[in-house]
C-alpha atoms as a PDB file:
ATOM      1  CA  UNK A   1     -82.318  -0.339 -14.773  1.00  0.00           C
ATOM      2  CA  UNK A   2     -81.479  -2.617 -12.301  1.00  0.00           C
ATOM      3  CA  UNK A   3     -82.969  -3.189  -8.878  1.00  0.00           C
ATOM      4  CA  UNK A   4     -81.048  -0.702  -6.574  1.00  0.00           C
ATOM      5  CA  UNK A   5     -82.037  -2.717  -3.454  1.00  0.00           C
ATOM      6  CA  UNK A   6     -81.207  -6.186  -4.798  1.00  0.00           C
ATOM      7  CA  UNK A   7     -77.857  -6.730  -2.671  1.00  0.00           C
ATOM      8  CA  UNK A   8     -74.541  -7.559  -4.257  1.00  0.00           C
ATOM      9  CA  UNK A   9     -72.814 -10.995  -4.456  1.00  0.00           C
ATOM     10  CA  UNK A  10     -69.283 -11.699  -4.023  1.00  0.00           C
ATOM     11  CA  UNK A  11     -69.548 -12.950  -7.528  1.00  0.00           C
ATOM     12  CA  UNK A  12     -71.139  -9.353  -9.148  1.00  0.00           C
ATOM     13  CA  UNK A  13     -68.388  -7.570  -7.106  1.00  0.00           C
ATOM     14  CA  UNK A  14     -65.189  -9.511  -8.095  1.00  0.00           C
ATOM     15  CA  UNK A  15     -66.479  -9.184 -11.667  1.00  0.00           C
ATOM     16  CA  UNK A  16     -66.788  -5.436 -11.155  1.00  0.00           C
ATOM     17  CA  UNK A  17     -63.431  -5.105  -9.768  1.00  0.00           C
ATOM     18  CA  UNK A  18     -61.843  -7.211 -13.169  1.00  0.00           C
ATOM     19  CA  UNK A  19     -63.855  -4.792 -15.334  1.00  0.00           C
ATOM     20  CA  UNK A  20     -62.474  -1.543 -13.879  1.00  0.00           C
ATOM     21  CA  UNK A  21     -59.222  -3.465 -13.947  1.00  0.00           C
ATOM     22  CA  UNK A  22     -59.853  -4.263 -17.458  1.00  0.00           C
ATOM     23  CA  UNK A  23     -61.358  -1.140 -18.835  1.00  0.00           C
ATOM     24  CA  UNK A  24     -60.420   1.377 -16.097  1.00  0.00           C
ATOM     25  CA  UNK A  25     -62.505   3.701 -13.889  1.00  0.00           C
ATOM     26  CA  UNK A  26     -66.165   5.108 -15.451  1.00  0.00           C
ATOM     27  CA  UNK A  27     -65.827   2.431 -18.352  1.00  0.00           C
ATOM     28  CA  UNK A  28     -69.087   1.110 -16.726  1.00  0.00           C
ATOM     29  CA  UNK A  29     -70.827   0.565 -20.260  1.00  0.00           C
ATOM     30  CA  UNK A  30     -67.924  -1.420 -21.643  1.00  0.00           C
ATOM     31  CA  UNK A  31     -67.611  -3.216 -18.134  1.00  0.00           C
ATOM     32  CA  UNK A  32     -71.318  -4.389 -18.782  1.00  0.00           C
ATOM     33  CA  UNK A  33     -70.906  -5.445 -21.981  1.00  0.00           C
ATOM     34  CA  UNK A  34     -67.397  -7.394 -22.113  1.00  0.00           C
ATOM     35  CA  UNK A  35     -68.360 -10.427 -22.727  1.00  0.00           C
ATOM     36  CA  UNK A  36     -66.525 -12.245 -19.620  1.00  0.00           C
ATOM     37  CA  UNK A  37     -68.129  -9.633 -16.622  1.00  0.00           C
ATOM     38  CA  UNK A  38     -71.700  -9.387 -18.453  1.00  0.00           C
ATOM     39  CA  UNK A  39     -73.145 -13.191 -17.121  1.00  0.00           C
ATOM     40  CA  UNK A  40     -72.374 -11.363 -13.725  1.00  0.00           C
ATOM     41  CA  UNK A  41     -73.263  -7.666 -14.096  1.00  0.00           C
ATOM     42  CA  UNK A  42     -76.289  -8.041 -16.908  1.00  0.00           C
ATOM     43  CA  UNK A  43     -78.833  -7.099 -13.740  1.00  0.00           C
ATOM     44  CA  UNK A  44     -76.957  -4.000 -13.110  1.00  0.00           C
ATOM     45  CA  UNK A  45     -76.934  -0.569 -14.959  1.00  0.00           C
ATOM     46  CA  UNK A  46     -74.428   2.390 -15.345  1.00  0.00           C
ATOM     47  CA  UNK A  47     -75.629   3.984 -11.787  1.00  0.00           C
ATOM     48  CA  UNK A  48     -75.061   0.558 -10.009  1.00  0.00           C
ATOM     49  CA  UNK A  49     -72.019   0.143 -11.134  1.00  0.00           C
ATOM     50  CA  UNK A  50     -70.711   3.658 -10.353  1.00  0.00           C
ATOM     51  CA  UNK A  51     -72.145   3.540  -6.691  1.00  0.00           C
ATOM     52  CA  UNK A  52     -70.834   0.140  -6.012  1.00  0.00           C
ATOM     53  CA  UNK A  53     -67.399   1.066  -6.748  1.00  0.00           C
ATOM     54  CA  UNK A  54     -67.886   3.990  -4.684  1.00  0.00           C
ATOM     55  CA  UNK A  55     -68.467   2.506  -2.159  1.00  0.00           C
ATOM     56  CA  UNK A  56     -66.104  -0.202  -2.427  1.00  0.00           C
ATOM     57  CA  UNK A  57     -63.198   2.100  -2.824  1.00  0.00           C
ATOM     58  CA  UNK A  58     -65.060   4.080   0.540  1.00  0.00           C
ATOM     59  CA  UNK A  59     -64.545   0.842   2.631  1.00  0.00           C
ATOM     60  CA  UNK A  60     -61.144  -0.295   1.205  1.00  0.00           C
ATOM     61  CA  UNK A  61     -59.815   3.062   2.252  1.00  0.00           C
ATOM     62  CA  UNK A  62     -61.395   2.722   5.420  1.00  0.00           C
ATOM     63  CA  UNK A  63     -60.057  -0.682   5.880  1.00  0.00           C
ATOM     64  CA  UNK A  64     -56.730   0.619   5.259  1.00  0.00           C
ATOM     65  CA  UNK A  65     -57.198   3.081   8.407  1.00  0.00           C
ATOM     66  CA  UNK A  66     -58.121   0.105  10.815  1.00  0.00           C
ATOM     67  CA  UNK A  67     -55.006  -2.302   9.248  1.00  0.00           C
ATOM     68  CA  UNK A  68     -52.848   0.548   9.951  1.00  0.00           C
ATOM     69  CA  UNK A  69     -54.247   1.191  13.650  1.00  0.00           C
ATOM     70  CA  UNK A  70     -54.234  -2.527  14.392  1.00  0.00           C
ATOM     71  CA  UNK A  71     -50.361  -2.451  13.142  1.00  0.00           C
ATOM     72  CA  UNK A  72     -49.095   0.591  15.330  1.00  0.00           C
ATOM     73  CA  UNK A  73     -51.011  -1.997  18.028  1.00  0.00           C
ATOM     74  CA  UNK A  74     -49.165  -4.582  17.233  1.00  0.00           C
ATOM     75  CA  UNK A  75     -45.459  -2.812  16.993  1.00  0.00           C
ATOM     76  CA  UNK A  76     -46.154  -1.259  20.106  1.00  0.00           C
ATOM     77  CA  UNK A  77     -46.412  -4.489  22.231  1.00  0.00           C
ATOM     78  CA  UNK A  78     -42.620  -5.487  21.879  1.00  0.00           C
ATOM     79  CA  UNK A  79     -42.334  -2.377  23.358  1.00  0.00           C
ATOM     80  CA  UNK A  80     -44.506  -2.973  26.286  1.00  0.00           C
ATOM     81  CA  UNK A  81     -42.784  -6.978  26.242  1.00  0.00           C
ATOM     82  CA  UNK A  82     -39.284  -4.893  26.617  1.00  0.00           C
ATOM     83  CA  UNK A  83     -40.514  -2.944  29.743  1.00  0.00           C
ATOM     84  CA  UNK A  84     -41.944  -6.006  31.267  1.00  0.00           C
ATOM     85  CA  UNK A  85     -38.599  -7.675  30.946  1.00  0.00           C
ATOM     86  CA  UNK A  86     -36.808  -8.667  34.475  1.00  0.00           C
ATOM     87  CA  UNK A  87     -33.992  -7.122  34.698  1.00  0.00           C
ATOM     88  CA  UNK A  88     -30.741  -8.776  34.299  1.00  0.00           C
ATOM     89  CA  UNK A  89     -28.999 -10.790  36.969  1.00  0.00           C
ATOM     90  CA  UNK A  90     -26.146  -8.598  39.023  1.00  0.00           C
ATOM     91  CA  UNK A  91     -23.947 -10.988  38.811  1.00  0.00           C
ATOM     92  CA  UNK A  92     -23.972 -11.304  35.340  1.00  0.00           C
ATOM     93  CA  UNK A  93     -23.578  -7.720  34.853  1.00  0.00           C
ATOM     94  CA  UNK A  94     -20.917  -7.848  37.335  1.00  0.00           C
ATOM     95  CA  UNK A  95     -19.233 -10.399  35.098  1.00  0.00           C
ATOM     96  CA  UNK A  96     -19.710  -8.399  32.094  1.00  0.00           C
ATOM     97  CA  UNK A  97     -18.681  -4.955  33.658  1.00  0.00           C
ATOM     98  CA  UNK A  98     -15.325  -7.047  34.042  1.00  0.00           C
ATOM     99  CA  UNK A  99     -14.942  -8.890  31.603  1.00  0.00           C
ATOM    100  CA  UNK A 100     -15.128  -5.150  29.239  1.00  0.00           C
ATOM    101  CA  UNK A 101     -12.949  -3.836  31.695  1.00  0.00           C
ATOM    102  CA  UNK A 102     -10.354  -6.301  30.831  1.00  0.00           C
ATOM    103  CA  UNK A 103     -11.050  -5.840  27.239  1.00  0.00           C
ATOM    104  CA  UNK A 104     -10.646  -1.799  28.102  1.00  0.00           C
ATOM    105  CA  UNK A 105      -7.357  -2.705  30.166  1.00  0.00           C
ATOM    106  CA  UNK A 106      -5.738  -5.130  27.143  1.00  0.00           C
ATOM    107  CA  UNK A 107      -6.191  -2.363  24.333  1.00  0.00           C
ATOM    108  CA  UNK A 108      -4.716   0.527  26.522  1.00  0.00           C
ATOM    109  CA  UNK A 109      -1.759  -1.772  27.401  1.00  0.00           C
ATOM    110  CA  UNK A 110      -1.274  -2.603  23.710  1.00  0.00           C
ATOM    111  CA  UNK A 111      -1.848   1.294  22.580  1.00  0.00           C
ATOM    112  CA  UNK A 112       0.955   2.480  25.475  1.00  0.00           C
ATOM    113  CA  UNK A 113       3.183  -0.171  24.263  1.00  0.00           C
ATOM    114  CA  UNK A 114       3.255   1.036  21.055  1.00  0.00           C
ATOM    115  CA  UNK A 115       4.315   4.252  22.171  1.00  0.00           C
ATOM    116  CA  UNK A 116       6.652   3.424  25.151  1.00  0.00           C
ATOM    117  CA  UNK A 117       9.367   2.495  22.965  1.00  0.00           C
ATOM    118  CA  UNK A 118       9.612   6.346  21.873  1.00  0.00           C
ATOM    119  CA  UNK A 119       9.093   7.948  25.447  1.00  0.00           C
ATOM    120  CA  UNK A 120      10.544   5.406  27.710  1.00  0.00           C
ATOM    121  CA  UNK A 121      13.672   7.074  28.134  1.00  0.00           C
ATOM    122  CA  UNK A 122      12.252  10.576  28.183  1.00  0.00           C
ATOM    123  CA  UNK A 123       9.419  10.035  30.657  1.00  0.00           C
ATOM    124  CA  UNK A 124      11.947   7.882  32.783  1.00  0.00           C
ATOM    125  CA  UNK A 125      14.345  10.362  33.366  1.00  0.00           C
ATOM    126  CA  UNK A 126      11.631  12.895  34.408  1.00  0.00           C
ATOM    127  CA  UNK A 127       9.949  10.156  37.437  1.00  0.00           C
ATOM    128  CA  UNK A 128      13.550  10.046  38.617  1.00  0.00           C
ATOM    129  CA  UNK A 129      14.252  13.501  38.811  1.00  0.00           C
ATOM    130  CA  UNK A 130      10.939  14.380  40.005  1.00  0.00           C
ATOM    131  CA  UNK A 131      10.948  11.712  42.935  1.00  0.00           C
ATOM    132  CA  UNK A 132      14.596  12.426  43.600  1.00  0.00           C
ATOM    133  CA  UNK A 133      13.820  16.011  44.297  1.00  0.00           C
ATOM    134  CA  UNK A 134      11.292  15.571  46.941  1.00  0.00           C
ATOM    135  CA  UNK A 135      13.601  13.325  48.845  1.00  0.00           C
ATOM    136  CA  UNK A 136      11.123  11.863  50.985  1.00  0.00           C
ATOM    137  CA  UNK A 137      11.674   8.644  52.919  1.00  0.00           C
ATOM    138  CA  UNK A 138       8.109   7.062  51.141  1.00  0.00           C
ATOM    139  CA  UNK A 139       9.261   8.645  47.776  1.00  0.00           C
ATOM    140  CA  UNK A 140       6.305  10.985  46.125  1.00  0.00           C
ATOM    141  CA  UNK A 141       2.666  10.586  44.905  1.00  0.00           C
ATOM    142  CA  UNK A 142       1.678  10.683  41.123  1.00  0.00           C
ATOM    143  CA  UNK A 143      -0.156  14.090  41.517  1.00  0.00           C
ATOM    144  CA  UNK A 144       3.263  15.376  42.851  1.00  0.00           C
ATOM    145  CA  UNK A 145       5.002  14.023  40.480  1.00  0.00           C
ATOM    146  CA  UNK A 146       3.208  15.105  37.563  1.00  0.00           C
ATOM    147  CA  UNK A 147       2.902  18.841  38.916  1.00  0.00           C
ATOM    148  CA  UNK A 148       6.785  18.964  39.709  1.00  0.00           C
ATOM    149  CA  UNK A 149       6.829  17.855  35.762  1.00  0.00           C
ATOM    150  CA  UNK A 150       4.912  19.870  34.222  1.00  0.00           C
ATOM    151  CA  UNK A 151       6.273  23.192  36.025  1.00  0.00           C
ATOM    152  CA  UNK A 152       9.544  22.353  33.743  1.00  0.00           C
ATOM    153  CA  UNK A 153       8.759  20.466  30.727  1.00  0.00           C
ATOM    154  CA  UNK A 154       6.443  21.116  27.905  1.00  0.00           C
ATOM    155  CA  UNK A 155       4.351  17.757  28.185  1.00  0.00           C
ATOM    156  CA  UNK A 156       1.749  16.105  25.632  1.00  0.00           C
ATOM    157  CA  UNK A 157      -2.066  16.237  26.480  1.00  0.00           C
ATOM    158  CA  UNK A 158      -1.748  12.265  27.133  1.00  0.00           C
ATOM    159  CA  UNK A 159       1.200  12.758  29.606  1.00  0.00           C
ATOM    160  CA  UNK A 160      -0.866  11.727  32.516  1.00  0.00           C
ATOM    161  CA  UNK A 161      -1.580   8.906  31.107  1.00  0.00           C
ATOM    162  CA  UNK A 162       1.491   7.814  29.119  1.00  0.00           C
ATOM    163  CA  UNK A 163       3.088   8.829  33.052  1.00  0.00           C
ATOM    164  CA  UNK A 164       0.886   6.202  34.745  1.00  0.00           C
ATOM    165  CA  UNK A 165       1.418   3.766  32.635  1.00  0.00           C
ATOM    166  CA  UNK A 166       5.258   4.318  33.193  1.00  0.00           C
ATOM    167  CA  UNK A 167       5.244   3.930  36.551  1.00  0.00           C
ATOM    168  CA  UNK A 168       3.533   0.591  36.464  1.00  0.00           C
ATOM    169  CA  UNK A 169       5.953  -0.548  34.025  1.00  0.00           C
ATOM    170  CA  UNK A 170       8.908   0.833  36.143  1.00  0.00           C
ATOM    171  CA  UNK A 171       7.273  -1.150  38.990  1.00  0.00           C
ATOM    172  CA  UNK A 172       7.303  -4.241  37.037  1.00  0.00           C
ATOM    173  CA  UNK A 173      11.063  -4.094  36.339  1.00  0.00           C
ATOM    174  CA  UNK A 174      12.271  -3.106  39.363  1.00  0.00           C
ATOM    175  CA  UNK A 175      12.949   0.331  39.101  1.00  0.00           C
ATOM    176  CA  UNK A 176      10.643   1.875  41.509  1.00  0.00           C
ATOM    177  CA  UNK A 177       9.015   0.748  44.488  1.00  0.00           C
ATOM    178  CA  UNK A 178       5.460   1.489  45.448  1.00  0.00           C
ATOM    179  CA  UNK A 179       5.134   2.621  49.098  1.00  0.00           C
ATOM    180  CA  UNK A 180       1.204   2.991  49.850  1.00  0.00           C
ATOM    181  CA  UNK A 181       0.053   5.379  47.058  1.00  0.00           C
ATOM    182  CA  UNK A 182       4.078   6.845  46.739  1.00  0.00           C
ATOM    183  CA  UNK A 183       6.943   5.845  44.461  1.00  0.00           C
ATOM    184  CA  UNK A 184      10.539   5.826  45.522  1.00  0.00           C
ATOM    185  CA  UNK A 185      13.427   4.806  43.606  1.00  0.00           C
ATOM    186  CA  UNK A 186      14.361   1.444  44.807  1.00  0.00           C
ATOM    187  CA  UNK A 187      18.173   0.594  45.877  1.00  0.00           C
ATOM    188  CA  UNK A 188      19.512  -2.751  44.554  1.00  0.00           C
ATOM    189  CA  UNK A 189      22.530  -3.456  46.472  1.00  0.00           C
ATOM    190  CA  UNK A 190      23.477  -6.546  44.571  1.00  0.00           C
ATOM    191  CA  UNK A 191      27.200  -6.534  42.600  1.00  0.00           C
ATOM    192  CA  UNK A 192      27.792  -2.527  43.897  1.00  0.00           C
ATOM    193  CA  UNK A 193      24.814  -1.396  41.226  1.00  0.00           C
ATOM    194  CA  UNK A 194      23.952   2.310  41.887  1.00  0.00           C
ATOM    195  CA  UNK A 195      20.205   3.561  41.420  1.00  0.00           C
ATOM    196  CA  UNK A 196      20.092   5.863  38.216  1.00  0.00           C
ATOM    197  CA  UNK A 197      20.261   9.370  39.407  1.00  0.00           C
ATOM    198  CA  UNK A 198      19.516  12.087  36.852  1.00  0.00           C
ATOM    199  CA  UNK A 199      20.502  14.890  36.063  1.00  0.00           C
ATOM    200  CA  UNK A 200      18.811  17.639  37.838  1.00  0.00           C
ATOM    201  CA  UNK A 201      16.998  20.506  35.906  1.00  0.00           C
ATOM    202  CA  UNK A 202      16.680  18.847  32.594  1.00  0.00           C
ATOM    203  CA  UNK A 203      15.348  21.287  30.797  1.00  0.00           C
ATOM    204  CA  UNK A 204      14.027  21.124  27.093  1.00  0.00           C
ATOM    205  CA  UNK A 205      15.055  22.921  23.962  1.00  0.00           C
ATOM    206  CA  UNK A 206      13.173  25.201  22.856  1.00  0.00           C
ATOM    207  CA  UNK A 207      11.927  25.116  19.336  1.00  0.00           C
ATOM    208  CA  UNK A 208      14.214  27.470  18.446  1.00  0.00           C
ATOM    209  CA  UNK A 209      17.237  25.830  19.621  1.00  0.00           C
ATOM    210  CA  UNK A 210      15.552  22.579  18.150  1.00  0.00           C
ATOM    211  CA  UNK A 211      15.783  24.814  14.840  1.00  0.00           C
ATOM    212  CA  UNK A 212      19.309  25.966  15.419  1.00  0.00           C
ATOM    213  CA  UNK A 213      20.759  22.548  16.074  1.00  0.00           C
ATOM    214  CA  UNK A 214      18.842  20.634  12.886  1.00  0.00           C
ATOM    215  CA  UNK A 215      20.294  23.645  10.916  1.00  0.00           C
ATOM    216  CA  UNK A 216      23.666  22.873  12.488  1.00  0.00           C
ATOM    217  CA  UNK A 217      23.616  19.235  11.442  1.00  0.00           C
ATOM    218  CA  UNK A 218      22.103  19.989   8.183  1.00  0.00           C
ATOM    219  CA  UNK A 219      25.155  21.842   7.567  1.00  0.00           C
ATOM    220  CA  UNK A 220      27.686  19.693   8.774  1.00  0.00           C
ATOM    221  CA  UNK A 221      25.831  16.969   6.969  1.00  0.00           C
ATOM    222  CA  UNK A 222      26.459  18.799   3.957  1.00  0.00           C
ATOM    223  CA  UNK A 223      29.953  19.603   4.680  1.00  0.00           C
ATOM    224  CA  UNK A 224      30.816  15.900   5.323  1.00  0.00           C
ATOM    225  CA  UNK A 225      29.527  15.026   2.028  1.00  0.00           C
ATOM    226  CA  UNK A 226      31.721  18.022   0.282  1.00  0.00           C
ATOM    227  CA  UNK A 227      34.856  16.830   1.653  1.00  0.00           C
ATOM    228  CA  UNK A 228      33.936  13.204   1.008  1.00  0.00           C
ATOM    229  CA  UNK A 229      33.629  14.262  -2.741  1.00  0.00           C
ATOM    230  CA  UNK A 230      36.572  15.799  -2.583  1.00  0.00           C
ATOM    231  CA  UNK A 231      38.554  13.037  -0.799  1.00  0.00           C
ATOM    232  CA  UNK A 232      37.096  10.776  -3.643  1.00  0.00           C
ATOM    233  CA  UNK A 233      38.041  12.915  -6.649  1.00  0.00           C
ATOM    234  CA  UNK A 234      41.834  13.186  -4.919  1.00  0.00           C
ATOM    235  CA  UNK A 235      41.849   9.661  -4.872  1.00  0.00           C
ATOM    236  CA  UNK A 236      40.666   8.821  -8.109  1.00  0.00           C
ATOM    237  CA  UNK A 237      43.146  11.053  -9.391  1.00  0.00           C
ATOM    238  CA  UNK A 238      46.260   9.347  -7.756  1.00  0.00           C
ATOM    239  CA  UNK A 239      44.782   6.356  -8.760  1.00  0.00           C
ATOM    240  CA  UNK A 240      45.066   7.757 -12.629  1.00  0.00           C
ATOM    241  CA  UNK A 241      48.861   8.973 -11.688  1.00  0.00           C
ATOM    242  CA  UNK A 242      49.631   5.980 -10.368  1.00  0.00           C
ATOM    243  CA  UNK A 243      48.617   4.240 -13.155  1.00  0.00           C
ATOM    244  CA  UNK A 244      50.322   6.489 -15.767  1.00  0.00           C
ATOM    245  CA  UNK A 245      53.698   5.925 -13.927  1.00  0.00           C
ATOM    246  CA  UNK A 246      52.993   2.282 -13.832  1.00  0.00           C
ATOM    247  CA  UNK A 247      52.570   2.584 -17.745  1.00  0.00           C
ATOM    248  CA  UNK A 248      55.883   5.023 -18.334  1.00  0.00           C
ATOM    249  CA  UNK A 249      57.631   2.407 -16.313  1.00  0.00           C
ATOM    250  CA  UNK A 250      56.446  -0.557 -19.064  1.00  0.00           C
ATOM    251  CA  UNK A 251      57.861   1.511 -21.591  1.00  0.00           C
ATOM    252  CA  UNK A 252      61.236   2.337 -20.025  1.00  0.00           C
ATOM    253  CA  UNK A 253      61.509  -1.721 -19.376  1.00  0.00           C
ATOM    254  CA  UNK A 254      60.389  -2.315 -22.926  1.00  0.00           C
ATOM    255  CA  UNK A 255      62.910  -0.306 -24.531  1.00  0.00           C
ATOM    256  CA  UNK A 256      65.419  -0.688 -21.860  1.00  0.00           C
ATOM    257  CA  UNK A 257      65.161  -5.219 -23.046  1.00  0.00           C
ATOM    258  CA  UNK A 258      65.166  -4.001 -26.900  1.00  0.00           C
ATOM    259  CA  UNK A 259      68.618  -1.819 -26.088  1.00  0.00           C
ATOM    260  CA  UNK A 260      69.781  -4.888 -24.105  1.00  0.00           C
ATOM    261  CA  UNK A 261      68.899  -7.271 -27.658  1.00  0.00           C
ATOM    262  CA  UNK A 262      70.667  -4.931 -29.445  1.00  0.00           C
ATOM    263  CA  UNK A 263      73.445  -4.758 -27.406  1.00  0.00           C
ATOM    264  CA  UNK A 264      74.068  -8.203 -27.599  1.00  0.00           C
ATOM    265  CA  UNK A 265      73.644  -8.770 -31.334  1.00  0.00           C
ATOM    266  CA  UNK A 266      76.439  -5.909 -32.068  1.00  0.00           C
ATOM    267  CA  UNK A 267      78.968  -7.792 -29.668  1.00  0.00           C
ATOM    268  CA  UNK A 268      78.070 -11.044 -31.878  1.00  0.00           C
ATOM    269  CA  UNK A 269      78.441  -9.600 -35.186  1.00  0.00           C
ATOM    270  CA  UNK A 270      74.886  -9.810 -36.121  1.00  0.00           C
ATOM    271  CA  UNK A 271      74.285  -6.153 -36.493  1.00  0.00           C
ATOM    272  CA  UNK A 272      76.771  -3.994 -37.645  1.00  0.00           C
ATOM    273  CA  UNK A 273      76.954  -0.704 -37.707  1.00  0.00           C
ATOM    274  CA  UNK A 274      77.853   1.516 -40.230  1.00  0.00           C
ATOM    275  CA  UNK A 275      80.432   4.562 -39.438  1.00  0.00           C
END
């Protein structure tokens, strides 16, 4: 048996690791007898190899725990550095916020422009009606206009936002005039143009009325199609009759021409009619 008090060298440890990798754990005799590792482990017994491998395994496990602890500490350093990072410049933050707000406004204007072509006439009429109903010198504010329309119309969820957009556009188009926070209809005196006045109490059509209107339109369309088909059929028959009469006329002309030729030949004595 080897001397247990003899300190293991790095060459012996490397030979033991290579032997376990080659023969497996517990194959201590095979590792010691292997010509590749025997020159380094000949002075060690099987028990020495076993105990040393156990100690090396335990040491490796402890080292891995320490490495994990170090990694955790290293990862926490950026957090501390982030906490120690000075606050951004207020001017820079304000500029960034302004740029973000401008981008949001651009996006909102694009989305509003997409829906504007469909809702503009309807919203314009409702706005003019509401402002005319209040009949105030300075017009009506946004809240009053919205309240007036909501009491009389069935509106979508995004109505308030679209109405605000329409008010801005009508001011830009010089159809409305903004006085402080109120809007009034702008009077146009050039060329005798009158300010458009919407009809009073424009009530939206109910679902039932809309259904009747659609059904009536469908019936009218079906009737129109049937009438057009009937007229087309009559026209076709008239064309056929005209062609038939034209053919009869051509045949009659041919018979008349033949009769004239026969008559001329009889008069010239070329043809003798037997009695």
